[in-house]
C-alpha atoms as a PDB file:
ATOM      1  CA  MET A   1       0.000   0.000   0.000  1.00  0.00           C
ATOM      2  CA  SER A   2       2.881   2.350   0.686  1.00  0.00           C
ATOM      3  CA  ASN A   3       6.403   3.004  -0.435  1.00  0.00           C
ATOM      4  CA  THR A   4       8.980   5.355   1.024  1.00  0.00           C
ATOM      5  CA  ALA A   5      10.874   7.919  -1.011  1.00  0.00           C
ATOM      6  CA  ASP A   6      13.497  10.547  -0.295  1.00  0.00           C
ATOM      7  CA  SER A   7      13.229  12.015  -3.779  1.00  0.00           C
ATOM      8  CA  GLY A   8      12.789  10.958  -7.369  1.00  0.00           C
ATOM      9  CA  GLN A   9       9.152  11.667  -8.092  1.00  0.00           C
ATOM     10  CA  SER A  10       8.163   9.870 -11.291  1.00  0.00           C
ATOM     11  CA  SER A  11       9.081  11.991 -14.335  1.00  0.00           C
ATOM     12  CA  ASN A  12       5.617  11.687 -15.838  1.00  0.00           C
ATOM     13  CA  GLN A  13       4.207  13.785 -13.006  1.00  0.00           C
ATOM     14  CA  SER A  14       4.263  17.561 -13.181  1.00  0.00           C
ATOM     15  CA  ALA A  15       6.413  19.378 -10.673  1.00  0.00           C
ATOM     16  CA  GLY A  16       3.298  20.811  -9.079  1.00  0.00           C
ATOM     17  CA  SER A  17       2.830  24.313  -7.748  1.00  0.00           C
ATOM     18  CA  ASP A  18       4.605  25.556  -4.652  1.00  0.00           C
ATOM     19  CA  ASP A  19       2.753  27.643  -2.109  1.00  0.00           C
ATOM     20  CA  GLY A  20       0.421  28.908  -4.827  1.00  0.00           C
ATOM     21  CA  THR A  21       0.923  32.610  -4.089  1.00  0.00           C
ATOM     22  CA  ASN A  22       1.572  34.882  -7.057  1.00  0.00           C
ATOM     23  CA  ASN A  23       1.796  38.682  -7.078  1.00  0.00           C
ATOM     24  CA  GLY A  24      -0.446  39.105  -4.063  1.00  0.00           C
ATOM     25  CA  THR A  25      -2.944  36.429  -5.069  1.00  0.00           C
ATOM     26  CA  THR A  26      -3.345  32.744  -4.336  1.00  0.00           C
ATOM     27  CA  HIS A  27      -5.442  29.931  -5.737  1.00  0.00           C
ATOM     28  CA  PHE A  28      -8.853  28.800  -4.590  1.00  0.00           C
ATOM     29  CA  GLY A  29      -9.205  25.660  -6.650  1.00  0.00           C
ATOM     30  CA  TYR A  30      -8.399  26.802 -10.182  1.00  0.00           C
ATOM     31  CA  GLU A  31      -9.235  30.458  -9.476  1.00  0.00           C
ATOM     32  CA  GLN A  32      -6.699  33.137  -8.545  1.00  0.00           C
ATOM     33  CA  VAL A  33      -8.083  35.169  -5.651  1.00  0.00           C
ATOM     34  CA  SER A  34      -6.754  37.429  -2.910  1.00  0.00           C
ATOM     35  CA  PRO A  35      -5.451  35.701   0.242  1.00  0.00           C
ATOM     36  CA  ALA A  36      -8.337  37.174   2.255  1.00  0.00           C
ATOM     37  CA  GLU A  37     -10.863  35.871  -0.279  1.00  0.00           C
ATOM     38  CA  LYS A  38      -9.376  32.375  -0.171  1.00  0.00           C
ATOM     39  CA  THR A  39      -9.521  32.342   3.623  1.00  0.00           C
ATOM     40  CA  ARG A  40     -13.161  33.450   3.537  1.00  0.00           C
ATOM     41  CA  ARG A  41     -14.203  30.938   0.875  1.00  0.00           C
ATOM     42  CA  VAL A  42     -12.384  28.002   2.447  1.00  0.00           C
ATOM     43  CA  GLY A  43     -14.183  28.881   5.681  1.00  0.00           C
ATOM     44  CA  GLN A  44     -17.510  28.728   3.865  1.00  0.00           C
ATOM     45  CA  VAL A  45     -16.638  25.322   2.406  1.00  0.00           C
ATOM     46  CA  PHE A  46     -16.046  23.770   5.804  1.00  0.00           C
ATOM     47  CA  HIS A  47     -18.962  25.499   7.497  1.00  0.00           C
ATOM     48  CA  SER A  48     -21.109  23.909   4.776  1.00  0.00           C
ATOM     49  CA  VAL A  49     -19.814  20.340   5.019  1.00  0.00           C
ATOM     50  CA  ALA A  50     -18.920  20.028   8.729  1.00  0.00           C
ATOM     51  CA  ASN A  51     -21.894  17.927   9.813  1.00  0.00           C
ATOM     52  CA  ARG A  52     -21.449  15.350   7.028  1.00  0.00           C
ATOM     53  CA  TYR A  53     -17.680  15.589   6.654  1.00  0.00           C
ATOM     54  CA  ASP A  54     -16.896  12.136   8.070  1.00  0.00           C
ATOM     55  CA  VAL A  55     -19.580  10.402   5.993  1.00  0.00           C
ATOM     56  CA  MET A  56     -18.130  11.940   2.837  1.00  0.00           C
ATOM     57  CA  ASN A  57     -14.604  10.902   3.859  1.00  0.00           C
ATOM     58  CA  ASP A  58     -15.727   7.284   3.919  1.00  0.00           C
ATOM     59  CA  LEU A  59     -17.402   7.621   0.528  1.00  0.00           C
ATOM     60  CA  ILE A  60     -14.667   9.392  -1.402  1.00  0.00           C
ATOM     61  CA  SER A  61     -11.858   7.292   0.098  1.00  0.00           C
ATOM     62  CA  LEU A  62     -13.813   4.028  -0.092  1.00  0.00           C
ATOM     63  CA  GLY A  63     -12.956   3.620   3.579  1.00  0.00           C
ATOM     64  CA  THR A  64      -9.183   3.690   3.044  1.00  0.00           C
ATOM     65  CA  HIS A  65      -8.730   6.899   5.071  1.00  0.00           C
ATOM     66  CA  ARG A  66      -9.076   4.841   8.251  1.00  0.00           C
ATOM     67  CA  VAL A  67      -6.091   2.650   7.339  1.00  0.00           C
ATOM     68  CA  ILE A  68      -4.080   5.691   6.217  1.00  0.00           C
ATOM     69  CA  LYS A  69      -4.730   7.490   9.503  1.00  0.00           C
ATOM     70  CA  ARG A  70      -3.662   4.400  11.436  1.00  0.00           C
ATOM     71  CA  MET A  71      -0.370   4.379   9.491  1.00  0.00           C
ATOM     72  CA  THR A  72       0.121   8.079  10.233  1.00  0.00           C
ATOM     73  CA  VAL A  73      -0.242   7.453  13.970  1.00  0.00           C
ATOM     74  CA  GLU A  74       2.311   4.646  13.743  1.00  0.00           C
ATOM     75  CA  LEU A  75       4.781   6.985  12.028  1.00  0.00           C
ATOM     76  CA  SER A  76       4.235   9.723  14.600  1.00  0.00           C
ATOM     77  CA  GLY A  77       6.304   8.091  17.328  1.00  0.00           C
ATOM     78  CA  VAL A  78       3.900   9.514  19.927  1.00  0.00           C
ATOM     79  CA  ARG A  79       4.361   8.087  23.425  1.00  0.00           C
ATOM     80  CA  PRO A  80       2.823   8.534  26.890  1.00  0.00           C
ATOM     81  CA  GLY A  81       3.445  12.020  28.240  1.00  0.00           C
ATOM     82  CA  HIS A  82       3.840  13.658  24.833  1.00  0.00           C
ATOM     83  CA  CYS A  83       2.186  16.904  23.814  1.00  0.00           C
ATOM     84  CA  VAL A  84       0.598  16.607  20.363  1.00  0.00           C
ATOM     85  CA  LEU A  85      -0.926  19.234  18.077  1.00  0.00           C
ATOM     86  CA  ASP A  86      -3.703  17.910  15.837  1.00  0.00           C
ATOM     87  CA  LEU A  87      -3.629  20.842  13.420  1.00  0.00           C
ATOM     88  CA  ALA A  88      -6.548  21.417  11.053  1.00  0.00           C
ATOM     89  CA  GLY A  89      -7.924  18.547  13.109  1.00  0.00           C
ATOM     90  CA  GLY A  90     -11.549  19.330  12.336  1.00  0.00           C
ATOM     91  CA  THR A  91     -13.810  16.557  13.501  1.00  0.00           C
ATOM     92  CA  GLY A  92     -11.206  15.057  15.824  1.00  0.00           C
ATOM     93  CA  ASP A  93     -10.245  11.747  14.203  1.00  0.00           C
ATOM     94  CA  PHE A  94      -6.570  12.058  15.124  1.00  0.00           C
ATOM     95  CA  SER A  95      -7.244  13.555  18.537  1.00  0.00           C
ATOM     96  CA  MET A  96      -9.318  10.490  19.399  1.00  0.00           C
ATOM     97  CA  ARG A  97      -6.414   8.280  18.345  1.00  0.00           C
ATOM     98  CA  PHE A  98      -3.698  10.234  20.143  1.00  0.00           C
ATOM     99  CA  ALA A  99      -5.490  10.895  23.455  1.00  0.00           C
ATOM    100  CA  PRO A 100      -5.265   7.281  24.739  1.00  0.00           C
ATOM    101  CA  ILE A 101      -1.613   7.052  23.654  1.00  0.00           C
ATOM    102  CA  VAL A 102      -0.364  10.182  25.462  1.00  0.00           C
ATOM    103  CA  GLY A 103      -2.404   9.282  28.543  1.00  0.00           C
ATOM    104  CA  ASP A 104      -3.103  11.412  31.588  1.00  0.00           C
ATOM    105  CA  SER A 105       0.459  12.744  31.665  1.00  0.00           C
ATOM    106  CA  GLY A 106       0.249  14.039  28.093  1.00  0.00           C
ATOM    107  CA  GLN A 107      -1.944  16.408  26.157  1.00  0.00           C
ATOM    108  CA  VAL A 108      -3.533  16.674  22.729  1.00  0.00           C
ATOM    109  CA  VAL A 109      -4.567  20.019  21.250  1.00  0.00           C
ATOM    110  CA  LEU A 110      -7.342  19.735  18.662  1.00  0.00           C
ATOM    111  CA  ALA A 111      -6.873  22.884  16.589  1.00  0.00           C
ATOM    112  CA  ASP A 112      -8.682  24.224  13.552  1.00  0.00           C
ATOM    113  CA  ILE A 113      -9.470  27.629  12.071  1.00  0.00           C
ATOM    114  CA  ASN A 114     -13.090  26.655  11.420  1.00  0.00           C
ATOM    115  CA  ASP A 115     -15.459  26.790  14.402  1.00  0.00           C
ATOM    116  CA  SER A 116     -18.102  24.591  12.747  1.00  0.00           C
ATOM    117  CA  MET A 117     -15.589  21.768  12.343  1.00  0.00           C
ATOM    118  CA  LEU A 118     -14.316  22.237  15.906  1.00  0.00           C
ATOM    119  CA  LYS A 119     -17.852  21.992  17.289  1.00  0.00           C
ATOM    120  CA  VAL A 120     -18.304  18.646  15.540  1.00  0.00           C
ATOM    121  CA  GLY A 121     -14.932  17.471  16.852  1.00  0.00           C
ATOM    122  CA  ARG A 122     -15.695  18.622  20.394  1.00  0.00           C
ATOM    123  CA  ASP A 123     -19.049  16.820  20.393  1.00  0.00           C
ATOM    124  CA  ARG A 124     -17.478  13.608  19.076  1.00  0.00           C
ATOM    125  CA  LEU A 125     -14.816  13.694  21.797  1.00  0.00           C
ATOM    126  CA  ILE A 126     -17.441  14.293  24.511  1.00  0.00           C
ATOM    127  CA  ASP A 127     -19.606  11.466  23.146  1.00  0.00           C
ATOM    128  CA  ARG A 128     -16.631   9.108  23.490  1.00  0.00           C
ATOM    129  CA  GLY A 129     -15.723  10.346  26.967  1.00  0.00           C
ATOM    130  CA  ILE A 130     -12.427  11.836  25.798  1.00  0.00           C
ATOM    131  CA  THR A 131     -12.128  15.177  27.567  1.00  0.00           C
ATOM    132  CA  GLY A 132      -9.461  15.093  30.273  1.00  0.00           C
ATOM    133  CA  ASN A 133      -6.325  15.405  28.148  1.00  0.00           C
ATOM    134  CA  VAL A 134      -7.669  17.131  25.020  1.00  0.00           C
ATOM    135  CA  GLN A 135      -7.785  20.895  24.605  1.00  0.00           C
ATOM    136  CA  ILE A 136      -9.848  22.572  21.853  1.00  0.00           C
ATOM    137  CA  SER A 137      -8.278  25.612  20.219  1.00  0.00           C
ATOM    138  CA  GLN A 138      -9.391  27.748  17.254  1.00  0.00           C
ATOM    139  CA  VAL A 139      -6.183  28.809  15.495  1.00  0.00           C
ATOM    140  CA  ASN A 140      -4.746  29.991  12.200  1.00  0.00           C
ATOM    141  CA  ALA A 141      -2.043  27.550  11.089  1.00  0.00           C
ATOM    142  CA  GLU A 142       0.002  30.417   9.657  1.00  0.00           C
ATOM    143  CA  ALA A 143       0.427  32.044  13.095  1.00  0.00           C
ATOM    144  CA  LEU A 144       0.106  29.388  15.781  1.00  0.00           C
ATOM    145  CA  PRO A 145      -0.600  31.005  19.179  1.00  0.00           C
ATOM    146  CA  PHE A 146       1.662  28.629  21.090  1.00  0.00           C
ATOM    147  CA  ALA A 147       5.047  29.161  22.680  1.00  0.00           C
ATOM    148  CA  ASP A 148       8.222  28.047  20.969  1.00  0.00           C
ATOM    149  CA  GLU A 149       9.094  24.373  21.453  1.00  0.00           C
ATOM    150  CA  THR A 150       5.708  23.312  22.850  1.00  0.00           C
ATOM    151  CA  PHE A 151       4.926  20.091  20.978  1.00  0.00           C
ATOM    152  CA  ASP A 152       6.601  16.724  20.626  1.00  0.00           C
ATOM    153  CA  CYS A 153       4.596  16.026  17.482  1.00  0.00           C
ATOM    154  CA  ILE A 154       2.433  18.012  15.067  1.00  0.00           C
ATOM    155  CA  VAL A 155       0.097  16.309  12.609  1.00  0.00           C
ATOM    156  CA  ILE A 156      -1.792  18.156   9.890  1.00  0.00           C
ATOM    157  CA  ALA A 157      -4.037  15.833   7.906  1.00  0.00           C
ATOM    158  CA  TYR A 158      -5.769  16.842   4.676  1.00  0.00           C
ATOM    159  CA  GLY A 159      -5.504  20.456   5.783  1.00  0.00           C
ATOM    160  CA  LEU A 160      -2.332  21.998   4.389  1.00  0.00           C
ATOM    161  CA  ARG A 161      -3.738  22.435   0.883  1.00  0.00           C
ATOM    162  CA  ASN A 162      -6.483  24.665   2.348  1.00  0.00           C
ATOM    163  CA  VAL A 163      -4.014  26.984   4.099  1.00  0.00           C
ATOM    164  CA  THR A 164      -3.587  30.309   2.324  1.00  0.00           C
ATOM    165  CA  ASP A 165       0.186  30.549   2.898  1.00  0.00           C
ATOM    166  CA  LYS A 166       1.583  27.038   3.249  1.00  0.00           C
ATOM    167  CA  ASN A 167       5.164  28.204   3.767  1.00  0.00           C
ATOM    168  CA  LYS A 168       4.154  30.369   6.732  1.00  0.00           C
ATOM    169  CA  ALA A 169       2.232  27.453   8.219  1.00  0.00           C
ATOM    170  CA  LEU A 170       5.216  25.125   7.901  1.00  0.00           C
ATOM    171  CA  ARG A 171       7.499  27.685   9.553  1.00  0.00           C
ATOM    172  CA  SER A 172       4.970  28.158  12.362  1.00  0.00           C
ATOM    173  CA  MET A 173       4.824  24.409  12.884  1.00  0.00           C
ATOM    174  CA  TYR A 174       8.619  24.233  13.012  1.00  0.00           C
ATOM    175  CA  ARG A 175       8.803  27.027  15.595  1.00  0.00           C
ATOM    176  CA  THR A 176       6.379  25.329  17.977  1.00  0.00           C
ATOM    177  CA  LEU A 177       8.021  21.894  17.798  1.00  0.00           C
ATOM    178  CA  LYS A 178      10.421  20.809  20.500  1.00  0.00           C
ATOM    179  CA  PRO A 179      13.978  19.976  19.394  1.00  0.00           C
ATOM    180  CA  GLY A 180      13.901  16.414  18.122  1.00  0.00           C
ATOM    181  CA  GLY A 181      10.143  16.610  17.546  1.00  0.00           C
ATOM    182  CA  ARG A 182       8.526  15.600  14.299  1.00  0.00           C
ATOM    183  CA  ALA A 183       5.846  16.955  12.013  1.00  0.00           C
ATOM    184  CA  LEU A 184       3.671  14.821   9.764  1.00  0.00           C
ATOM    185  CA  VAL A 185       1.766  16.177   6.786  1.00  0.00           C
ATOM    186  CA  LEU A 186      -0.858  13.760   5.473  1.00  0.00           C
ATOM    187  CA  GLU A 187      -2.302  15.003   2.214  1.00  0.00           C
ATOM    188  CA  PHE A 188      -3.704  13.995  -1.132  1.00  0.00           C
ATOM    189  CA  SER A 189      -0.821  13.890  -3.598  1.00  0.00           C
ATOM    190  CA  LYS A 190       0.159  12.861  -7.140  1.00  0.00           C
ATOM    191  CA  PRO A 191      -0.218   9.239  -8.317  1.00  0.00           C
ATOM    192  CA  VAL A 192       3.101   7.909  -9.616  1.00  0.00           C
ATOM    193  CA  ASN A 193       1.498   5.642 -12.232  1.00  0.00           C
ATOM    194  CA  PRO A 194      -0.182   7.385 -15.188  1.00  0.00           C
ATOM    195  CA  LEU A 195      -2.954   4.789 -15.462  1.00  0.00           C
ATOM    196  CA  LEU A 196      -3.743   5.086 -11.776  1.00  0.00           C
ATOM    197  CA  GLY A 197      -3.690   8.861 -12.181  1.00  0.00           C
ATOM    198  CA  LYS A 198      -6.280   8.727 -14.951  1.00  0.00           C
ATOM    199  CA  ALA A 199      -8.510   6.378 -12.968  1.00  0.00           C
ATOM    200  CA  TYR A 200      -8.214   8.579  -9.896  1.00  0.00           C
ATOM    201  CA  ASP A 201      -9.064  11.704 -11.897  1.00  0.00           C
ATOM    202  CA  ALA A 202     -12.139   9.987 -13.304  1.00  0.00           C
ATOM    203  CA  PHE A 203     -13.254   8.797  -9.860  1.00  0.00           C
ATOM    204  CA  SER A 204     -12.750  12.231  -8.305  1.00  0.00           C
ATOM    205  CA  THR A 205     -15.084  13.827 -10.845  1.00  0.00           C
ATOM    206  CA  LEU A 206     -17.884  11.941  -9.070  1.00  0.00           C
ATOM    207  CA  TRP A 207     -17.202  13.625  -5.716  1.00  0.00           C
ATOM    208  CA  PRO A 208     -19.257  16.776  -6.394  1.00  0.00           C
ATOM    209  CA  VAL A 209     -22.207  14.543  -7.311  1.00  0.00           C
ATOM    210  CA  ALA A 210     -21.821  12.592  -4.068  1.00  0.00           C
ATOM    211  CA  GLY A 211     -21.434  15.870  -2.193  1.00  0.00           C
ATOM    212  CA  LYS A 212     -24.729  17.109  -3.589  1.00  0.00           C
ATOM    213  CA  VAL A 213     -26.525  13.925  -2.517  1.00  0.00           C
ATOM    214  CA  VAL A 214     -24.974  13.624   0.967  1.00  0.00           C
ATOM    215  CA  THR A 215     -24.467  17.238   2.019  1.00  0.00           C
ATOM    216  CA  GLY A 216     -26.599  19.175  -0.446  1.00  0.00           C
ATOM    217  CA  ASP A 217     -23.422  20.975  -1.559  1.00  0.00           C
ATOM    218  CA  SER A 218     -21.670  20.087  -4.813  1.00  0.00           C
ATOM    219  CA  GLU A 219     -19.570  23.268  -5.067  1.00  0.00           C
ATOM    220  CA  SER A 220     -17.556  22.491  -1.932  1.00  0.00           C
ATOM    221  CA  TYR A 221     -16.541  19.125  -3.373  1.00  0.00           C
ATOM    222  CA  LYS A 222     -15.759  20.711  -6.723  1.00  0.00           C
ATOM    223  CA  TYR A 223     -13.318  22.900  -4.795  1.00  0.00           C
ATOM    224  CA  LEU A 224     -11.966  19.800  -3.034  1.00  0.00           C
ATOM    225  CA  VAL A 225     -11.123  18.157  -6.362  1.00  0.00           C
ATOM    226  CA  GLU A 226      -9.508  21.310  -7.724  1.00  0.00           C
ATOM    227  CA  SER A 227      -7.528  21.946  -4.523  1.00  0.00           C
ATOM    228  CA  ILE A 228      -6.069  18.429  -4.697  1.00  0.00           C
ATOM    229  CA  ARG A 229      -4.964  18.946  -8.286  1.00  0.00           C
ATOM    230  CA  MET A 230      -3.351  22.293  -7.406  1.00  0.00           C
ATOM    231  CA  HIS A 231      -1.542  20.962  -4.339  1.00  0.00           C
ATOM    232  CA  PRO A 232       2.257  20.584  -4.570  1.00  0.00           C
ATOM    233  CA  ASP A 233       3.560  17.170  -5.556  1.00  0.00           C
ATOM    234  CA  GLN A 234       5.576  14.987  -3.215  1.00  0.00           C
ATOM    235  CA  ASP A 235       9.030  16.351  -3.945  1.00  0.00           C
ATOM    236  CA  THR A 236       7.897  19.972  -4.011  1.00  0.00           C
ATOM    237  CA  LEU A 237       6.293  19.627  -0.574  1.00  0.00           C
ATOM    238  CA  LYS A 238       9.402  17.867   0.748  1.00  0.00           C
ATOM    239  CA  ASN A 239      11.492  20.820  -0.464  1.00  0.00           C
ATOM    240  CA  MET A 240       9.056  23.271   1.165  1.00  0.00           C
ATOM    241  CA  MET A 241       9.453  21.469   4.492  1.00  0.00           C
ATOM    242  CA  GLU A 242      13.234  21.619   4.199  1.00  0.00           C
ATOM    243  CA  ASP A 243      13.045  25.338   3.384  1.00  0.00           C
ATOM    244  CA  ALA A 244      10.979  25.811   6.565  1.00  0.00           C
ATOM    245  CA  GLY A 245      13.816  24.292   8.602  1.00  0.00           C
ATOM    246  CA  PHE A 246      12.846  20.621   8.863  1.00  0.00           C
ATOM    247  CA  SER A 247      15.577  17.998   8.557  1.00  0.00           C
ATOM    248  CA  ASN A 248      15.624  14.325   7.578  1.00  0.00           C
ATOM    249  CA  CYS A 249      12.499  14.911   5.488  1.00  0.00           C
ATOM    250  CA  ARG A 250      10.971  11.964   3.668  1.00  0.00           C
ATOM    251  CA  TYR A 251       7.618  10.875   2.361  1.00  0.00           C
ATOM    252  CA  HIS A 252       5.620   7.677   2.169  1.00  0.00           C
ATOM    253  CA  ASN A 253       3.413   7.222  -0.877  1.00  0.00           C
ATOM    254  CA  LEU A 254       0.077   5.572  -0.124  1.00  0.00           C
ATOM    255  CA  ILE A 255      -2.179   3.930  -2.711  1.00  0.00           C
ATOM    256  CA  GLY A 256       0.402   4.630  -5.386  1.00  0.00           C
ATOM    257  CA  GLY A 257       0.739   8.293  -4.467  1.00  0.00           C
ATOM    258  CA  VAL A 258      -2.952   9.156  -4.245  1.00  0.00           C
ATOM    259  CA  SER A 259      -2.057  10.244  -0.715  1.00  0.00           C
ATOM    260  CA  ALA A 260       1.326  10.776   0.907  1.00  0.00           C
ATOM    261  CA  ILE A 261       2.627  11.196   4.437  1.00  0.00           C
ATOM    262  CA  HIS A 262       5.519  13.649   4.687  1.00  0.00           C
ATOM    263  CA  VAL A 263       7.680  13.477   7.828  1.00  0.00           C
ATOM    264  CA  GLY A 264      10.179  16.103   8.971  1.00  0.00           C
ATOM    265  CA  TYR A 265      12.120  16.660  12.196  1.00  0.00           C
ATOM    266  CA  LYS A 266      13.282  19.657  14.187  1.00  0.00           C
ATOM    267  CA  ARG A 267      16.999  19.464  14.808  1.00  0.00           C
ATOM    268  CA  ALA A 268      17.860  18.553  18.380  1.00  0.00           C
ATOM    269  CA  SER A 269      19.636  21.284  20.326  1.00  0.00           C
END
């Protein structure tokens, strides 16, 4: 299901965009808009889909997101007593996985910029009796309101592509990691096999239709498809993490590159 790579993205894949900013604008799907407009419109997307977000995840991933998230937790190296930031954590899937691991001596911060998603995540955590070691925090990933060297691990899952300035977010993540800590970026990526890429593109065109049926909102899932296609490829994102200060960066392709987990470390003092 996965393979690990340090570099060498298949030559038949485009290099991908970098942060997406260009002369004071950025992309919202295929559109070029102002940074403020992207932030506003991304907020609308997640306000719209929050209550059915997890149902749609199962549909569009055919259930594979559960296995992928389990692999991400295994790669995190999180242990009892650790402090973990679940960034862009939305409905709390990772927070629910990390809370039992860090235990009473550790802490998980479920953080997202979108209050509708956080409300769903908070309710899910309460329903499962997970409250003692999880803090809920509404934050902007580009300017994390945490002290330097706070977290042993930061995970951002399927959220980086929605951030207006990805480079700022990566630098903010690096600042708030403890020396020796690691960051994991789980994101849709670029299939390494052209045939798989074509099949994936065809399948993803169905997502807006499913979004209309399940959530009553096709436009948000049209944006989802476009945002995936505009997201940096594996090697570009690896380079962005290195530029932000991370060392020993690598990525693990999942489902032939449909998704990838990028891992980077903060140098120990």
